[in-house]
Structure formats: C-alpha cells, structure tokens
Amino acid sequence: MKRAFHVGDHVRWNSEAGHVSGRITRVHTRDVDYKGHTHRCTPDDPQYEIASDTTDHVALHKGRALHRID
C-alpha cells in the first residue's frame, strides 16, 4: 500500500538518533540531487523533503519511511 503525503503534513520517521518529526515542505517526483547524492523519484514513488520540528535539519525520505502524526 502506497502512502501519499502532501506539503504541510506532519510526519515522523526513524533516524539513527531515534524518532524525528517534521513537516513536509516539498514533494519530489523526478530524480533530485540532494546533499551530494542522486535520489530516485517518480510520480508513483516520490520522495518527501521534510523540515525537522526541533532542529534546522532537512531530510529527504520515501513515503514508506514516514508515518503521519496529525
């Protein structure tokens, strides 16, 4: 089952430091170079750019790694 998220959704994900939460700021549907790596994205399998709630960190994740919390 694919999870569809949208800009503004509040989500959490598991990182090396534990669970992190943030808001989706952008949805990528085409391959994107991000932090020195090419992230593969398609309209059917997008990647979501997320701003952390507690730090200035921005992460890029696929929907399968995210859980809606609002």
C-alpha atoms as a PDB file:
ATOM      1  CA  MET A   1       0.000   0.000   0.000  1.00  0.00           C
ATOM      2  CA  LYS A   2       1.426   3.343  -1.061  1.00  0.00           C
ATOM      3  CA  ARG A   3       1.282   6.260   1.312  1.00  0.00           C
ATOM      4  CA  ALA A   4       0.504   9.630  -0.202  1.00  0.00           C
ATOM      5  CA  PHE A   5       1.646  12.672   1.712  1.00  0.00           C
ATOM      6  CA  HIS A   6       1.298  16.359   0.896  1.00  0.00           C
ATOM      7  CA  VAL A   7       3.103  19.609   1.628  1.00  0.00           C
ATOM      8  CA  GLY A   8       2.231  20.652   5.168  1.00  0.00           C
ATOM      9  CA  ASP A   9       1.616  17.125   6.502  1.00  0.00           C
ATOM     10  CA  HIS A  10       3.147  16.486   9.937  1.00  0.00           C
ATOM     11  CA  VAL A  11       5.108  13.216   9.857  1.00  0.00           C
ATOM     12  CA  ARG A  12       7.655  11.229  11.822  1.00  0.00           C
ATOM     13  CA  TRP A  13      10.383   8.829  10.806  1.00  0.00           C
ATOM     14  CA  ASN A  14      13.039   6.719  12.448  1.00  0.00           C
ATOM     15  CA  SER A  15      16.585   8.055  12.191  1.00  0.00           C
ATOM     16  CA  GLU A  16      19.905   6.977  13.680  1.00  0.00           C
ATOM     17  CA  ALA A  17      19.115   9.229  16.655  1.00  0.00           C
ATOM     18  CA  GLY A  18      15.600   7.843  17.184  1.00  0.00           C
ATOM     19  CA  HIS A  19      12.232   9.130  16.038  1.00  0.00           C
ATOM     20  CA  VAL A  20      12.179  12.575  14.431  1.00  0.00           C
ATOM     21  CA  SER A  21       9.151  14.622  13.425  1.00  0.00           C
ATOM     22  CA  GLY A  22       8.691  17.436  10.967  1.00  0.00           C
ATOM     23  CA  ARG A  23       6.557  18.991   8.255  1.00  0.00           C
ATOM     24  CA  ILE A  24       6.739  18.139   4.578  1.00  0.00           C
ATOM     25  CA  THR A  25       7.945  21.198   2.656  1.00  0.00           C
ATOM     26  CA  ARG A  26       8.262  19.749  -0.832  1.00  0.00           C
ATOM     27  CA  VAL A  27       7.351  16.652  -2.855  1.00  0.00           C
ATOM     28  CA  HIS A  28       9.899  15.453  -5.440  1.00  0.00           C
ATOM     29  CA  THR A  29       8.539  13.411  -8.361  1.00  0.00           C
ATOM     30  CA  ARG A  30      11.691  13.455 -10.519  1.00  0.00           C
ATOM     31  CA  ASP A  31      15.240  12.428  -9.663  1.00  0.00           C
ATOM     32  CA  VAL A  32      16.875  15.053  -7.484  1.00  0.00           C
ATOM     33  CA  ASP A  33      20.477  15.706  -6.430  1.00  0.00           C
ATOM     34  CA  TYR A  34      20.404  16.245  -2.689  1.00  0.00           C
ATOM     35  CA  LYS A  35      23.369  16.522  -0.324  1.00  0.00           C
ATOM     36  CA  GLY A  36      25.706  15.071  -2.930  1.00  0.00           C
ATOM     37  CA  HIS A  37      23.565  12.063  -3.863  1.00  0.00           C
ATOM     38  CA  THR A  38      21.023  11.396  -6.585  1.00  0.00           C
ATOM     39  CA  HIS A  39      17.701  10.342  -5.083  1.00  0.00           C
ATOM     40  CA  ARG A  40      15.429   8.403  -7.421  1.00  0.00           C
ATOM     41  CA  CYS A  41      11.879   9.725  -7.552  1.00  0.00           C
ATOM     42  CA  THR A  42       8.866   9.170  -9.790  1.00  0.00           C
ATOM     43  CA  PRO A  43       5.266  10.383  -9.648  1.00  0.00           C
ATOM     44  CA  ASP A  44       4.318   6.896  -8.375  1.00  0.00           C
ATOM     45  CA  ASP A  45       7.166   6.763  -5.839  1.00  0.00           C
ATOM     46  CA  PRO A  46       8.013  10.335  -4.753  1.00  0.00           C
ATOM     47  CA  GLN A  47      10.452  11.489  -2.119  1.00  0.00           C
ATOM     48  CA  TYR A  48       9.415  13.994   0.505  1.00  0.00           C
ATOM     49  CA  GLU A  49      11.526  16.889   1.748  1.00  0.00           C
ATOM     50  CA  ILE A  50      10.887  17.389   5.454  1.00  0.00           C
ATOM     51  CA  ALA A  51      11.948  20.157   7.858  1.00  0.00           C
ATOM     52  CA  SER A  52      12.582  18.856  11.385  1.00  0.00           C
ATOM     53  CA  ASP A  53      10.409  20.242  14.186  1.00  0.00           C
ATOM     54  CA  THR A  54      13.317  20.633  16.594  1.00  0.00           C
ATOM     55  CA  THR A  55      16.408  21.437  14.504  1.00  0.00           C
ATOM     56  CA  ASP A  56      17.261  23.146  11.231  1.00  0.00           C
ATOM     57  CA  HIS A  57      17.821  19.706   9.652  1.00  0.00           C
ATOM     58  CA  VAL A  58      16.096  18.915   6.360  1.00  0.00           C
ATOM     59  CA  ALA A  59      15.645  15.270   5.357  1.00  0.00           C
ATOM     60  CA  LEU A  60      14.532  13.504   2.186  1.00  0.00           C
ATOM     61  CA  HIS A  61      12.564  10.249   2.552  1.00  0.00           C
ATOM     62  CA  LYS A  62      10.267   7.975   0.596  1.00  0.00           C
ATOM     63  CA  GLY A  63       6.715   7.550   1.842  1.00  0.00           C
ATOM     64  CA  ARG A  64       7.323   4.048   3.196  1.00  0.00           C
ATOM     65  CA  ALA A  65       9.627   5.543   5.864  1.00  0.00           C
ATOM     66  CA  LEU A  66       7.065   8.095   7.058  1.00  0.00           C
ATOM     67  CA  HIS A  67       4.112   7.993   9.430  1.00  0.00           C
ATOM     68  CA  ARG A  68       1.501  10.764   9.598  1.00  0.00           C
ATOM     69  CA  ILE A  69       1.120  12.077  13.157  1.00  0.00           C
ATOM     70  CA  ASP A  70      -1.607  14.703  12.798  1.00  0.00           C
END
